[in-house]
Every structure is written in C-alpha cells, then in structure tokens.
Amino acid sequence: MIPLFLLIRNLLLTVLTEGVLVLVFTKKKSTVYHSVLVNMLTNPLVNLALMAWAAFVPFSEDFYYYMLTAVLEVSAVAAEWILYYKMGDFGLKKAFFASLSLNTASYFLGVLIQ
C-alpha cells in the first residue's frame, strides 16, 4: 500500500474513532476539536516511525517491531495526556484516563480492521 495513503487512512480512522468517543463522553465540541489536533500531531509520528522501522528491519525481527509499537503508543498516550491537560479539557487524572482509553480503543480498532 502507498505510504501516504496509509498515513492518511490511519489518521482518519484514529480521528474518527477518538472523536466519536470524545463526543459521546464529553458532549463538548471543543474537546473533539482538541482531540483532532492532538491526533494530527501524534498519529503521523507513530505511524512514520513504524513504517521506517518496517522498511529497514527484516520481518524476522517481529519482537522488536512490537516492542517499538508499545514504546510509541505509550509515548503517544503520555503526549496526549499532557496536551489534554494543558488545553484545559480535563484535570490531570481524567486527562490520563481519557488519553489511555481513547488510544486503546483506536489501537484495537486498527488491529481489528487490518
């Protein structure tokens, strides 16, 4: 698949999944907007790093690919946690649980549809 198409598809699926969940749980359009902005930052970075890894490392190194995926996803959760908190959408604890929940949902939806 063409890398640019893959990046756009993954970003759209993430924005849609997390945006709908944010809207269902908060009912605030501003938080949905912030969710889109946050994902426009973190999602392409995670996907580009994974694509670069897959392009340069043989598939026999699957263990390291999954370890990199875990590190990148944890980093995305941490970055989004801070951003949600700084944007004033949630308190510190709620921002963490929102980030963790939203990223978990979009990750597993992505795994299911691939």
PDB file of N, CA and C in Angstrom:
ATOM      1  N   MET A   1       0.842  -1.181   0.000  1.00  0.00           N
ATOM      2  CA  MET A   1       0.000   0.000   0.000  1.00  0.00           C
ATOM      3  C   MET A   1       0.887   1.244   0.000  1.00  0.00           C
ATOM      4  N   ILE A   2       0.441   2.294  -0.635  1.00  0.00           N
ATOM      5  CA  ILE A   2       1.188   3.539  -0.730  1.00  0.00           C
ATOM      6  C   ILE A   2       1.298   4.167   0.668  1.00  0.00           C
ATOM      7  N   PRO A   3       2.525   4.505   1.095  1.00  0.00           N
ATOM      8  CA  PRO A   3       2.705   5.036   2.460  1.00  0.00           C
ATOM      9  C   PRO A   3       1.860   6.264   2.783  1.00  0.00           C
ATOM     10  N   LEU A   4       1.744   7.194   1.850  1.00  0.00           N
ATOM     11  CA  LEU A   4       0.947   8.391   2.128  1.00  0.00           C
ATOM     12  C   LEU A   4      -0.519   8.025   2.352  1.00  0.00           C
ATOM     13  N   PHE A   5      -1.031   7.111   1.533  1.00  0.00           N
ATOM     14  CA  PHE A   5      -2.409   6.659   1.710  1.00  0.00           C
ATOM     15  C   PHE A   5      -2.581   5.986   3.066  1.00  0.00           C
ATOM     16  N   LEU A   6      -1.594   5.194   3.455  1.00  0.00           N
ATOM     17  CA  LEU A   6      -1.632   4.512   4.749  1.00  0.00           C
ATOM     18  C   LEU A   6      -1.646   5.517   5.900  1.00  0.00           C
ATOM     19  N   LEU A   7      -0.816   6.547   5.803  1.00  0.00           N
ATOM     20  CA  LEU A   7      -0.785   7.586   6.841  1.00  0.00           C
ATOM     21  C   LEU A   7      -2.129   8.301   6.955  1.00  0.00           C
ATOM     22  N   ILE A   8      -2.691   8.671   5.816  1.00  0.00           N
ATOM     23  CA  ILE A   8      -3.969   9.381   5.816  1.00  0.00           C
ATOM     24  C   ILE A   8      -5.082   8.490   6.342  1.00  0.00           C
ATOM     25  N   ARG A   9      -5.109   7.236   5.902  1.00  0.00           N
ATOM     26  CA  ARG A   9      -6.140   6.305   6.360  1.00  0.00           C
ATOM     27  C   ARG A   9      -6.062   6.099   7.871  1.00  0.00           C
ATOM     28  N   ASN A  10      -4.858   5.875   8.378  1.00  0.00           N
ATOM     29  CA  ASN A  10      -4.689   5.650   9.813  1.00  0.00           C
ATOM     30  C   ASN A  10      -5.083   6.885  10.619  1.00  0.00           C
ATOM     31  N   LEU A  11      -4.709   8.060  10.121  1.00  0.00           N
ATOM     32  CA  LEU A  11      -5.077   9.290  10.817  1.00  0.00           C
ATOM     33  C   LEU A  11      -6.588   9.488  10.823  1.00  0.00           C
ATOM     34  N   LEU A  12      -7.224   9.278   9.688  1.00  0.00           N
ATOM     35  CA  LEU A  12      -8.678   9.445   9.621  1.00  0.00           C
ATOM     36  C   LEU A  12      -9.416   8.460  10.529  1.00  0.00           C
ATOM     37  N   LEU A  13      -8.959   7.219  10.546  1.00  0.00           N
ATOM     38  CA  LEU A  13      -9.596   6.229  11.424  1.00  0.00           C
ATOM     39  C   LEU A  13      -9.421   6.595  12.893  1.00  0.00           C
ATOM     40  N   THR A  14      -8.250   7.061  13.249  1.00  0.00           N
ATOM     41  CA  THR A  14      -7.989   7.462  14.636  1.00  0.00           C
ATOM     42  C   THR A  14      -8.819   8.680  15.014  1.00  0.00           C
ATOM     43  N   VAL A  15      -8.824   9.679  14.163  1.00  0.00           N
ATOM     44  CA  VAL A  15      -9.591  10.903  14.433  1.00  0.00           C
ATOM     45  C   VAL A  15     -11.075  10.573  14.557  1.00  0.00           C
ATOM     46  N   LEU A  16     -11.571   9.741  13.669  1.00  0.00           N
ATOM     47  CA  LEU A  16     -12.982   9.372  13.710  1.00  0.00           C
ATOM     48  C   LEU A  16     -13.319   8.594  14.982  1.00  0.00           C
ATOM     49  N   THR A  17     -12.535   7.584  15.284  1.00  0.00           N
ATOM     50  CA  THR A  17     -12.781   6.757  16.472  1.00  0.00           C
ATOM     51  C   THR A  17     -12.722   7.591  17.749  1.00  0.00           C
ATOM     52  N   GLU A  18     -11.622   8.299  17.925  1.00  0.00           N
ATOM     53  CA  GLU A  18     -11.445   9.058  19.161  1.00  0.00           C
ATOM     54  C   GLU A  18     -12.392  10.251  19.224  1.00  0.00           C
ATOM     55  N   GLY A  19     -12.659  10.865  18.084  1.00  0.00           N
ATOM     56  CA  GLY A  19     -13.592  11.990  18.053  1.00  0.00           C
ATOM     57  C   GLY A  19     -14.997  11.589  18.465  1.00  0.00           C
ATOM     58  N   VAL A  20     -15.454  10.461  17.949  1.00  0.00           N
ATOM     59  CA  VAL A  20     -16.795   9.976  18.315  1.00  0.00           C
ATOM     60  C   VAL A  20     -16.846   9.642  19.806  1.00  0.00           C
ATOM     61  N   LEU A  21     -15.817   8.969  20.307  1.00  0.00           N
ATOM     62  CA  LEU A  21     -15.801   8.628  21.739  1.00  0.00           C
ATOM     63  C   LEU A  21     -15.764   9.875  22.615  1.00  0.00           C
ATOM     64  N   VAL A  22     -14.972  10.862  22.229  1.00  0.00           N
ATOM     65  CA  VAL A  22     -14.914  12.116  22.995  1.00  0.00           C
ATOM     66  C   VAL A  22     -16.281  12.791  22.991  1.00  0.00           C
ATOM     67  N   LEU A  23     -16.922  12.829  21.844  1.00  0.00           N
ATOM     68  CA  LEU A  23     -18.230  13.461  21.737  1.00  0.00           C
ATOM     69  C   LEU A  23     -19.274  12.729  22.575  1.00  0.00           C
ATOM     70  N   VAL A  24     -19.227  11.407  22.571  1.00  0.00           N
ATOM     71  CA  VAL A  24     -20.179  10.613  23.353  1.00  0.00           C
ATOM     72  C   VAL A  24     -19.996  10.873  24.846  1.00  0.00           C
ATOM     73  N   PHE A  25     -18.743  10.932  25.291  1.00  0.00           N
ATOM     74  CA  PHE A  25     -18.496  11.030  26.725  1.00  0.00           C
ATOM     75  C   PHE A  25     -18.464  12.450  27.263  1.00  0.00           C
ATOM     76  N   THR A  26     -18.056  13.427  26.454  1.00  0.00           N
ATOM     77  CA  THR A  26     -17.982  14.788  26.983  1.00  0.00           C
ATOM     78  C   THR A  26     -19.068  15.705  26.430  1.00  0.00           C
ATOM     79  N   LYS A  27     -19.520  15.409  25.230  1.00  0.00           N
ATOM     80  CA  LYS A  27     -20.526  16.225  24.540  1.00  0.00           C
ATOM     81  C   LYS A  27     -20.047  17.663  24.319  1.00  0.00           C
ATOM     82  N   LYS A  28     -18.730  17.862  24.304  1.00  0.00           N
ATOM     83  CA  LYS A  28     -18.144  19.187  24.075  1.00  0.00           C
ATOM     84  C   LYS A  28     -17.462  19.202  22.716  1.00  0.00           C
ATOM     85  N   LYS A  29     -17.897  20.108  21.873  1.00  0.00           N
ATOM     86  CA  LYS A  29     -17.290  20.211  20.550  1.00  0.00           C
ATOM     87  C   LYS A  29     -15.840  20.679  20.631  1.00  0.00           C
ATOM     88  N   SER A  30     -15.536  21.508  21.616  1.00  0.00           N
ATOM     89  CA  SER A  30     -14.160  21.992  21.738  1.00  0.00           C
ATOM     90  C   SER A  30     -13.195  20.851  22.075  1.00  0.00           C
ATOM     91  N   THR A  31     -13.646  19.899  22.862  1.00  0.00           N
ATOM     92  CA  THR A  31     -12.797  18.758  23.200  1.00  0.00           C
ATOM     93  C   THR A  31     -12.605  17.858  21.986  1.00  0.00           C
ATOM     94  N   VAL A  32     -13.626  17.732  21.159  1.00  0.00           N
ATOM     95  CA  VAL A  32     -13.484  16.968  19.911  1.00  0.00           C
ATOM     96  C   VAL A  32     -12.452  17.651  19.017  1.00  0.00           C
ATOM     97  N   TYR A  33     -12.535  18.961  18.923  1.00  0.00           N
ATOM     98  CA  TYR A  33     -11.571  19.729  18.137  1.00  0.00           C
ATOM     99  C   TYR A  33     -10.155  19.507  18.678  1.00  0.00           C
ATOM    100  N   HIS A  34      -9.991  19.559  19.978  1.00  0.00           N
ATOM    101  CA  HIS A  34      -8.680  19.319  20.581  1.00  0.00           C
ATOM    102  C   HIS A  34      -8.201  17.897  20.314  1.00  0.00           C
ATOM    103  N   SER A  35      -9.113  16.948  20.329  1.00  0.00           N
ATOM    104  CA  SER A  35      -8.764  15.562  20.031  1.00  0.00           C
ATOM    105  C   SER A  35      -8.215  15.435  18.610  1.00  0.00           C
ATOM    106  N   VAL A  36      -8.849  16.118  17.679  1.00  0.00           N
ATOM    107  CA  VAL A  36      -8.370  16.096  16.287  1.00  0.00           C
ATOM    108  C   VAL A  36      -6.965  16.697  16.207  1.00  0.00           C
ATOM    109  N   LEU A  37      -6.753  17.837  16.845  1.00  0.00           N
ATOM    110  CA  LEU A  37      -5.441  18.489  16.822  1.00  0.00           C
ATOM    111  C   LEU A  37      -4.353  17.609  17.439  1.00  0.00           C
ATOM    112  N   VAL A  38      -4.668  17.023  18.577  1.00  0.00           N
ATOM    113  CA  VAL A  38      -3.711  16.169  19.273  1.00  0.00           C
ATOM    114  C   VAL A  38      -3.345  14.967  18.397  1.00  0.00           C
ATOM    115  N   ASN A  39      -4.345  14.374  17.769  1.00  0.00           N
ATOM    116  CA  ASN A  39      -4.079  13.200  16.930  1.00  0.00           C
ATOM    117  C   ASN A  39      -3.360  13.553  15.636  1.00  0.00           C
ATOM    118  N   MET A  40      -3.547  14.773  15.156  1.00  0.00           N
ATOM    119  CA  MET A  40      -2.807  15.203  13.972  1.00  0.00           C
ATOM    120  C   MET A  40      -1.317  15.339  14.275  1.00  0.00           C
ATOM    121  N   LEU A  41      -0.989  15.490  15.534  1.00  0.00           N
ATOM    122  CA  LEU A  41       0.407  15.564  15.956  1.00  0.00           C
ATOM    123  C   LEU A  41       0.987  14.176  16.221  1.00  0.00           C
ATOM    124  N   THR A  42       0.304  13.395  17.041  1.00  0.00           N
ATOM    125  CA  THR A  42       0.889  12.130  17.495  1.00  0.00           C
ATOM    126  C   THR A  42       0.745  10.978  16.491  1.00  0.00           C
ATOM    127  N   ASN A  43      -0.395  10.868  15.832  1.00  0.00           N
ATOM    128  CA  ASN A  43      -0.637   9.722  14.961  1.00  0.00           C
ATOM    129  C   ASN A  43       0.357   9.616  13.800  1.00  0.00           C
ATOM    130  N   PRO A  44       0.599  10.688  13.043  1.00  0.00           N
ATOM    131  CA  PRO A  44       1.578  10.554  11.957  1.00  0.00           C
ATOM    132  C   PRO A  44       2.986  10.220  12.453  1.00  0.00           C
ATOM    133  N   LEU A  45       3.368  10.750  13.597  1.00  0.00           N
ATOM    134  CA  LEU A  45       4.698  10.447  14.132  1.00  0.00           C
ATOM    135  C   LEU A  45       4.843   8.962  14.463  1.00  0.00           C
ATOM    136  N   VAL A  46       3.832   8.411  15.108  1.00  0.00           N
ATOM    137  CA  VAL A  46       3.857   6.984  15.453  1.00  0.00           C
ATOM    138  C   VAL A  46       3.885   6.142  14.181  1.00  0.00           C
ATOM    139  N   ASN A  47       3.019   6.459  13.232  1.00  0.00           N
ATOM    140  CA  ASN A  47       2.944   5.660  12.015  1.00  0.00           C
ATOM    141  C   ASN A  47       4.185   5.790  11.143  1.00  0.00           C
ATOM    142  N   LEU A  48       4.764   6.988  11.055  1.00  0.00           N
ATOM    143  CA  LEU A  48       6.004   7.160  10.290  1.00  0.00           C
ATOM    144  C   LEU A  48       7.152   6.374  10.904  1.00  0.00           C
ATOM    145  N   ALA A  49       7.246   6.389  12.214  1.00  0.00           N
ATOM    146  CA  ALA A  49       8.301   5.626  12.888  1.00  0.00           C
ATOM    147  C   ALA A  49       8.141   4.127  12.627  1.00  0.00           C
ATOM    148  N   LEU A  50       6.914   3.634  12.688  1.00  0.00           N
ATOM    149  CA  LEU A  50       6.677   2.211  12.438  1.00  0.00           C
ATOM    150  C   LEU A  50       6.944   1.846  10.982  1.00  0.00           C
ATOM    151  N   MET A  51       6.571   2.722  10.052  1.00  0.00           N
ATOM    152  CA  MET A  51       6.841   2.465   8.637  1.00  0.00           C
ATOM    153  C   MET A  51       8.341   2.456   8.358  1.00  0.00           C
ATOM    154  N   ALA A  52       9.057   3.389   8.962  1.00  0.00           N
ATOM    155  CA  ALA A  52      10.503   3.440   8.782  1.00  0.00           C
ATOM    156  C   ALA A  52      11.156   2.176   9.333  1.00  0.00           C
ATOM    157  N   TRP A  53      10.716   1.751  10.488  1.00  0.00           N
ATOM    158  CA  TRP A  53      11.252   0.525  11.081  1.00  0.00           C
ATOM    159  C   TRP A  53      11.006  -0.669  10.161  1.00  0.00           C
ATOM    160  N   ALA A  54       9.778  -0.797   9.675  1.00  0.00           N
ATOM    161  CA  ALA A  54       9.420  -1.922   8.814  1.00  0.00           C
ATOM    162  C   ALA A  54      10.194  -1.889   7.499  1.00  0.00           C
ATOM    163  N   ALA A  55      10.552  -0.704   7.026  1.00  0.00           N
ATOM    164  CA  ALA A  55      11.282  -0.589   5.766  1.00  0.00           C
ATOM    165  C   ALA A  55      12.743  -0.996   5.899  1.00  0.00           C
ATOM    166  N   PHE A  56      13.310  -0.840   7.094  1.00  0.00           N
ATOM    167  CA  PHE A  56      14.739  -1.080   7.254  1.00  0.00           C
ATOM    168  C   PHE A  56      15.103  -2.320   8.060  1.00  0.00           C
ATOM    169  N   VAL A  57      14.137  -2.920   8.711  1.00  0.00           N
ATOM    170  CA  VAL A  57      14.428  -4.088   9.542  1.00  0.00           C
ATOM    171  C   VAL A  57      13.677  -5.285   8.981  1.00  0.00           C
ATOM    172  N   PRO A  58      14.353  -6.415   8.839  1.00  0.00           N
ATOM    173  CA  PRO A  58      13.678  -7.606   8.297  1.00  0.00           C
ATOM    174  C   PRO A  58      12.509  -8.048   9.173  1.00  0.00           C
ATOM    175  N   PHE A  59      11.533  -8.679   8.532  1.00  0.00           N
ATOM    176  CA  PHE A  59      10.345  -9.113   9.267  1.00  0.00           C
ATOM    177  C   PHE A  59      10.643 -10.193  10.299  1.00  0.00           C
ATOM    178  N   SER A  60      11.813 -10.787  10.234  1.00  0.00           N
ATOM    179  CA  SER A  60      12.160 -11.782  11.242  1.00  0.00           C
ATOM    180  C   SER A  60      12.342 -11.145  12.620  1.00  0.00           C
ATOM    181  N   GLU A  61      12.399  -9.832  12.645  1.00  0.00           N
ATOM    182  CA  GLU A  61      12.573  -9.094  13.897  1.00  0.00           C
ATOM    183  C   GLU A  61      11.233  -8.600  14.433  1.00  0.00           C
ATOM    184  N   ASP A  62      10.189  -9.421  14.339  1.00  0.00           N
ATOM    185  CA  ASP A  62       8.854  -9.024  14.771  1.00  0.00           C
ATOM    186  C   ASP A  62       8.807  -8.597  16.238  1.00  0.00           C
ATOM    187  N   PHE A  63       9.579  -9.270  17.083  1.00  0.00           N
ATOM    188  CA  PHE A  63       9.593  -8.937  18.505  1.00  0.00           C
ATOM    189  C   PHE A  63       9.934  -7.463  18.709  1.00  0.00           C
ATOM    190  N   TYR A  64      10.957  -6.989  17.989  1.00  0.00           N
ATOM    191  CA  TYR A  64      11.389  -5.605  18.138  1.00  0.00           C
ATOM    192  C   TYR A  64      10.364  -4.635  17.569  1.00  0.00           C
ATOM    193  N   TYR A  65       9.671  -5.035  16.518  1.00  0.00           N
ATOM    194  CA  TYR A  65       8.610  -4.202  15.947  1.00  0.00           C
ATOM    195  C   TYR A  65       7.504  -4.003  16.979  1.00  0.00           C
ATOM    196  N   TYR A  66       7.115  -5.075  17.653  1.00  0.00           N
ATOM    197  CA  TYR A  66       6.056  -4.956  18.656  1.00  0.00           C
ATOM    198  C   TYR A  66       6.525  -4.185  19.883  1.00  0.00           C
ATOM    199  N   MET A  67       7.776  -4.323  20.223  1.00  0.00           N
ATOM    200  CA  MET A  67       8.322  -3.532  21.328  1.00  0.00           C
ATOM    201  C   MET A  67       8.336  -2.046  20.959  1.00  0.00           C
ATOM    202  N   LEU A  68       8.743  -1.736  19.736  1.00  0.00           N
ATOM    203  CA  LEU A  68       8.725  -0.353  19.273  1.00  0.00           C
ATOM    204  C   LEU A  68       7.300   0.186  19.257  1.00  0.00           C
ATOM    205  N   THR A  69       6.359  -0.631  18.806  1.00  0.00           N
ATOM    206  CA  THR A  69       4.950  -0.222  18.805  1.00  0.00           C
ATOM    207  C   THR A  69       4.494   0.124  20.220  1.00  0.00           C
ATOM    208  N   ALA A  70       4.842  -0.708  21.171  1.00  0.00           N
ATOM    209  CA  ALA A  70       4.449  -0.462  22.561  1.00  0.00           C
ATOM    210  C   ALA A  70       5.063   0.838  23.079  1.00  0.00           C
ATOM    211  N   VAL A  71       6.340   1.060  22.807  1.00  0.00           N
ATOM    212  CA  VAL A  71       7.013   2.277  23.266  1.00  0.00           C
ATOM    213  C   VAL A  71       6.383   3.512  22.625  1.00  0.00           C
ATOM    214  N   LEU A  72       6.098   3.434  21.336  1.00  0.00           N
ATOM    215  CA  LEU A  72       5.490   4.573  20.640  1.00  0.00           C
ATOM    216  C   LEU A  72       4.076   4.852  21.130  1.00  0.00           C
ATOM    217  N   GLU A  73       3.298   3.803  21.375  1.00  0.00           N
ATOM    218  CA  GLU A  73       1.932   4.002  21.869  1.00  0.00           C
ATOM    219  C   GLU A  73       1.937   4.599  23.279  1.00  0.00           C
ATOM    220  N   VAL A  74       2.836   4.132  24.121  1.00  0.00           N
ATOM    221  CA  VAL A  74       2.950   4.705  25.474  1.00  0.00           C
ATOM    222  C   VAL A  74       3.376   6.167  25.379  1.00  0.00           C
ATOM    223  N   SER A  75       4.273   6.471  24.455  1.00  0.00           N
ATOM    224  CA  SER A  75       4.698   7.856  24.250  1.00  0.00           C
ATOM    225  C   SER A  75       3.536   8.721  23.763  1.00  0.00           C
ATOM    226  N   ALA A  76       2.714   8.173  22.869  1.00  0.00           N
ATOM    227  CA  ALA A  76       1.546   8.915  22.370  1.00  0.00           C
ATOM    228  C   ALA A  76       0.556   9.169  23.501  1.00  0.00           C
ATOM    229  N   VAL A  77       0.336   8.169  24.340  1.00  0.00           N
ATOM    230  CA  VAL A  77      -0.564   8.351  25.486  1.00  0.00           C
ATOM    231  C   VAL A  77      -0.029   9.449  26.398  1.00  0.00           C
ATOM    232  N   ALA A  78       1.268   9.435  26.663  1.00  0.00           N
ATOM    233  CA  ALA A  78       1.866  10.449  27.543  1.00  0.00           C
ATOM    234  C   ALA A  78       1.745  11.845  26.926  1.00  0.00           C
ATOM    235  N   ALA A  79       2.041  11.959  25.647  1.00  0.00           N
ATOM    236  CA  ALA A  79       1.954  13.268  24.982  1.00  0.00           C
ATOM    237  C   ALA A  79       0.516  13.777  24.972  1.00  0.00           C
ATOM    238  N   GLU A  80      -0.422  12.904  24.654  1.00  0.00           N
ATOM    239  CA  GLU A  80      -1.822  13.320  24.609  1.00  0.00           C
ATOM    240  C   GLU A  80      -2.345  13.645  26.007  1.00  0.00           C
ATOM    241  N   TRP A  81      -1.878  12.923  26.999  1.00  0.00           N
ATOM    242  CA  TRP A  81      -2.249  13.198  28.389  1.00  0.00           C
ATOM    243  C   TRP A  81      -1.873  14.638  28.735  1.00  0.00           C
ATOM    244  N   ILE A  82      -0.642  15.005  28.443  1.00  0.00           N
ATOM    245  CA  ILE A  82      -0.169  16.353  28.749  1.00  0.00           C
ATOM    246  C   ILE A  82      -0.957  17.394  27.950  1.00  0.00           C
ATOM    247  N   LEU A  83      -1.172  17.116  26.672  1.00  0.00           N
ATOM    248  CA  LEU A  83      -1.887  18.076  25.829  1.00  0.00           C
ATOM    249  C   LEU A  83      -3.331  18.264  26.267  1.00  0.00           C
ATOM    250  N   TYR A  84      -4.024  17.168  26.572  1.00  0.00           N
ATOM    251  CA  TYR A  84      -5.408  17.302  27.055  1.00  0.00           C
ATOM    252  C   TYR A  84      -5.456  18.099  28.351  1.00  0.00           C
ATOM    253  N   TYR A  85      -4.503  17.855  29.227  1.00  0.00           N
ATOM    254  CA  TYR A  85      -4.454  18.591  30.488  1.00  0.00           C
ATOM    255  C   TYR A  85      -4.158  20.073  30.245  1.00  0.00           C
ATOM    256  N   LYS A  86      -3.160  20.362  29.414  1.00  0.00           N
ATOM    257  CA  LYS A  86      -2.776  21.751  29.147  1.00  0.00           C
ATOM    258  C   LYS A  86      -3.863  22.524  28.407  1.00  0.00           C
ATOM    259  N   MET A  87      -4.634  21.847  27.579  1.00  0.00           N
ATOM    260  CA  MET A  87      -5.714  22.512  26.847  1.00  0.00           C
ATOM    261  C   MET A  87      -6.912  22.803  27.744  1.00  0.00           C
ATOM    262  N   GLY A  88      -6.888  22.242  28.954  1.00  0.00           N
ATOM    263  CA  GLY A  88      -7.945  22.517  29.908  1.00  0.00           C
ATOM    264  C   GLY A  88      -9.192  21.674  29.731  1.00  0.00           C
ATOM    265  N   ASP A  89      -9.091  20.618  28.921  1.00  0.00           N
ATOM    266  CA  ASP A  89     -10.255  19.766  28.702  1.00  0.00           C
ATOM    267  C   ASP A  89     -10.556  18.884  29.913  1.00  0.00           C
ATOM    268  N   PHE A  90      -9.512  18.461  30.605  1.00  0.00           N
ATOM    269  CA  PHE A  90      -9.655  17.536  31.724  1.00  0.00           C
ATOM    270  C   PHE A  90      -8.674  17.918  32.821  1.00  0.00           C
ATOM    271  N   GLY A  91      -8.969  17.447  34.031  1.00  0.00           N
ATOM    272  CA  GLY A  91      -7.993  17.537  35.103  1.00  0.00           C
ATOM    273  C   GLY A  91      -6.879  16.535  34.829  1.00  0.00           C
ATOM    274  N   LEU A  92      -5.860  16.526  35.673  1.00  0.00           N
ATOM    275  CA  LEU A  92      -4.690  15.680  35.439  1.00  0.00           C
ATOM    276  C   LEU A  92      -5.041  14.197  35.353  1.00  0.00           C
ATOM    277  N   LYS A  93      -5.813  13.689  36.313  1.00  0.00           N
ATOM    278  CA  LYS A  93      -6.163  12.260  36.305  1.00  0.00           C
ATOM    279  C   LYS A  93      -7.103  11.907  35.159  1.00  0.00           C
ATOM    280  N   LYS A  94      -8.096  12.747  34.937  1.00  0.00           N
ATOM    281  CA  LYS A  94      -9.050  12.472  33.853  1.00  0.00           C
ATOM    282  C   LYS A  94      -8.373  12.558  32.495  1.00  0.00           C
ATOM    283  N   ALA A  95      -7.407  13.453  32.364  1.00  0.00           N
ATOM    284  CA  ALA A  95      -6.675  13.568  31.099  1.00  0.00           C
ATOM    285  C   ALA A  95      -5.900  12.281  30.819  1.00  0.00           C
ATOM    286  N   PHE A  96      -5.297  11.707  31.864  1.00  0.00           N
ATOM    287  CA  PHE A  96      -4.569  10.447  31.687  1.00  0.00           C
ATOM    288  C   PHE A  96      -5.521   9.327  31.266  1.00  0.00           C
ATOM    289  N   PHE A  97      -6.622   9.174  31.976  1.00  0.00           N
ATOM    290  CA  PHE A  97      -7.554   8.100  31.648  1.00  0.00           C
ATOM    291  C   PHE A  97      -8.222   8.315  30.296  1.00  0.00           C
ATOM    292  N   ALA A  98      -8.471   9.563  29.939  1.00  0.00           N
ATOM    293  CA  ALA A  98      -9.036   9.853  28.610  1.00  0.00           C
ATOM    294  C   ALA A  98      -8.035   9.469  27.529  1.00  0.00           C
ATOM    295  N   SER A  99      -6.789   9.879  27.695  1.00  0.00           N
ATOM    296  CA  SER A  99      -5.762   9.558  26.713  1.00  0.00           C
ATOM    297  C   SER A  99      -5.555   8.049  26.593  1.00  0.00           C
ATOM    298  N   LEU A 100      -5.453   7.386  27.720  1.00  0.00           N
ATOM    299  CA  LEU A 100      -5.256   5.934  27.712  1.00  0.00           C
ATOM    300  C   LEU A 100      -6.441   5.219  27.075  1.00  0.00           C
ATOM    301  N   SER A 101      -7.634   5.591  27.446  1.00  0.00           N
ATOM    302  CA  SER A 101      -8.845   4.939  26.916  1.00  0.00           C
ATOM    303  C   SER A 101      -9.010   5.179  25.422  1.00  0.00           C
ATOM    304  N   LEU A 102      -8.843   6.421  25.002  1.00  0.00           N
ATOM    305  CA  LEU A 102      -9.010   6.757  23.593  1.00  0.00           C
ATOM    306  C   LEU A 102      -7.968   6.061  22.723  1.00  0.00           C
ATOM    307  N   ASN A 103      -6.732   6.059  23.174  1.00  0.00           N
ATOM    308  CA  ASN A 103      -5.684   5.409  22.396  1.00  0.00           C
ATOM    309  C   ASN A 103      -5.843   3.901  22.366  1.00  0.00           C
ATOM    310  N   THR A 104      -6.277   3.326  23.466  1.00  0.00           N
ATOM    311  CA  THR A 104      -6.519   1.881  23.491  1.00  0.00           C
ATOM    312  C   THR A 104      -7.629   1.505  22.517  1.00  0.00           C
ATOM    313  N   ALA A 105      -8.708   2.271  22.531  1.00  0.00           N
ATOM    314  CA  ALA A 105      -9.831   1.991  21.626  1.00  0.00           C
ATOM    315  C   ALA A 105      -9.412   2.118  20.167  1.00  0.00           C
ATOM    316  N   SER A 106      -8.713   3.186  19.824  1.00  0.00           N
ATOM    317  CA  SER A 106      -8.339   3.358  18.414  1.00  0.00           C
ATOM    318  C   SER A 106      -7.280   2.352  17.984  1.00  0.00           C
ATOM    319  N   TYR A 107      -6.372   1.985  18.883  1.00  0.00           N
ATOM    320  CA  TYR A 107      -5.363   0.978  18.550  1.00  0.00           C
ATOM    321  C   TYR A 107      -6.033  -0.365  18.237  1.00  0.00           C
ATOM    322  N   PHE A 108      -6.912  -0.814  19.131  1.00  0.00           N
ATOM    323  CA  PHE A 108      -7.525  -2.114  18.913  1.00  0.00           C
ATOM    324  C   PHE A 108      -8.503  -2.124  17.747  1.00  0.00           C
ATOM    325  N   LEU A 109      -9.133  -1.014  17.457  1.00  0.00           N
ATOM    326  CA  LEU A 109      -9.961  -0.936  16.261  1.00  0.00           C
ATOM    327  C   LEU A 109      -9.080  -1.076  15.019  1.00  0.00           C
ATOM    328  N   GLY A 110      -7.934  -0.414  15.039  1.00  0.00           N
ATOM    329  CA  GLY A 110      -6.980  -0.542  13.935  1.00  0.00           C
ATOM    330  C   GLY A 110      -6.484  -1.967  13.758  1.00  0.00           C
ATOM    331  N   VAL A 111      -6.225  -2.648  14.865  1.00  0.00           N
ATOM    332  CA  VAL A 111      -5.789  -4.048  14.792  1.00  0.00           C
ATOM    333  C   VAL A 111      -6.903  -4.919  14.216  1.00  0.00           C
ATOM    334  N   LEU A 112      -8.128  -4.653  14.616  1.00  0.00           N
ATOM    335  CA  LEU A 112      -9.273  -5.458  14.131  1.00  0.00           C
ATOM    336  C   LEU A 112      -9.509  -5.303  12.638  1.00  0.00           C
ATOM    337  N   ILE A 113      -9.334  -4.118  12.101  1.00  0.00           N
ATOM    338  CA  ILE A 113      -9.666  -3.912  10.695  1.00  0.00           C
ATOM    339  C   ILE A 113      -8.507  -4.220   9.750  1.00  0.00           C
ATOM    340  N   GLN A 114      -7.324  -4.450  10.284  1.00  0.00           N
ATOM    341  CA  GLN A 114      -6.203  -4.771   9.396  1.00  0.00           C
ATOM    342  C   GLN A 114      -6.153  -6.197   9.035  1.00  0.00           C
TER     343      GLN A 114
END
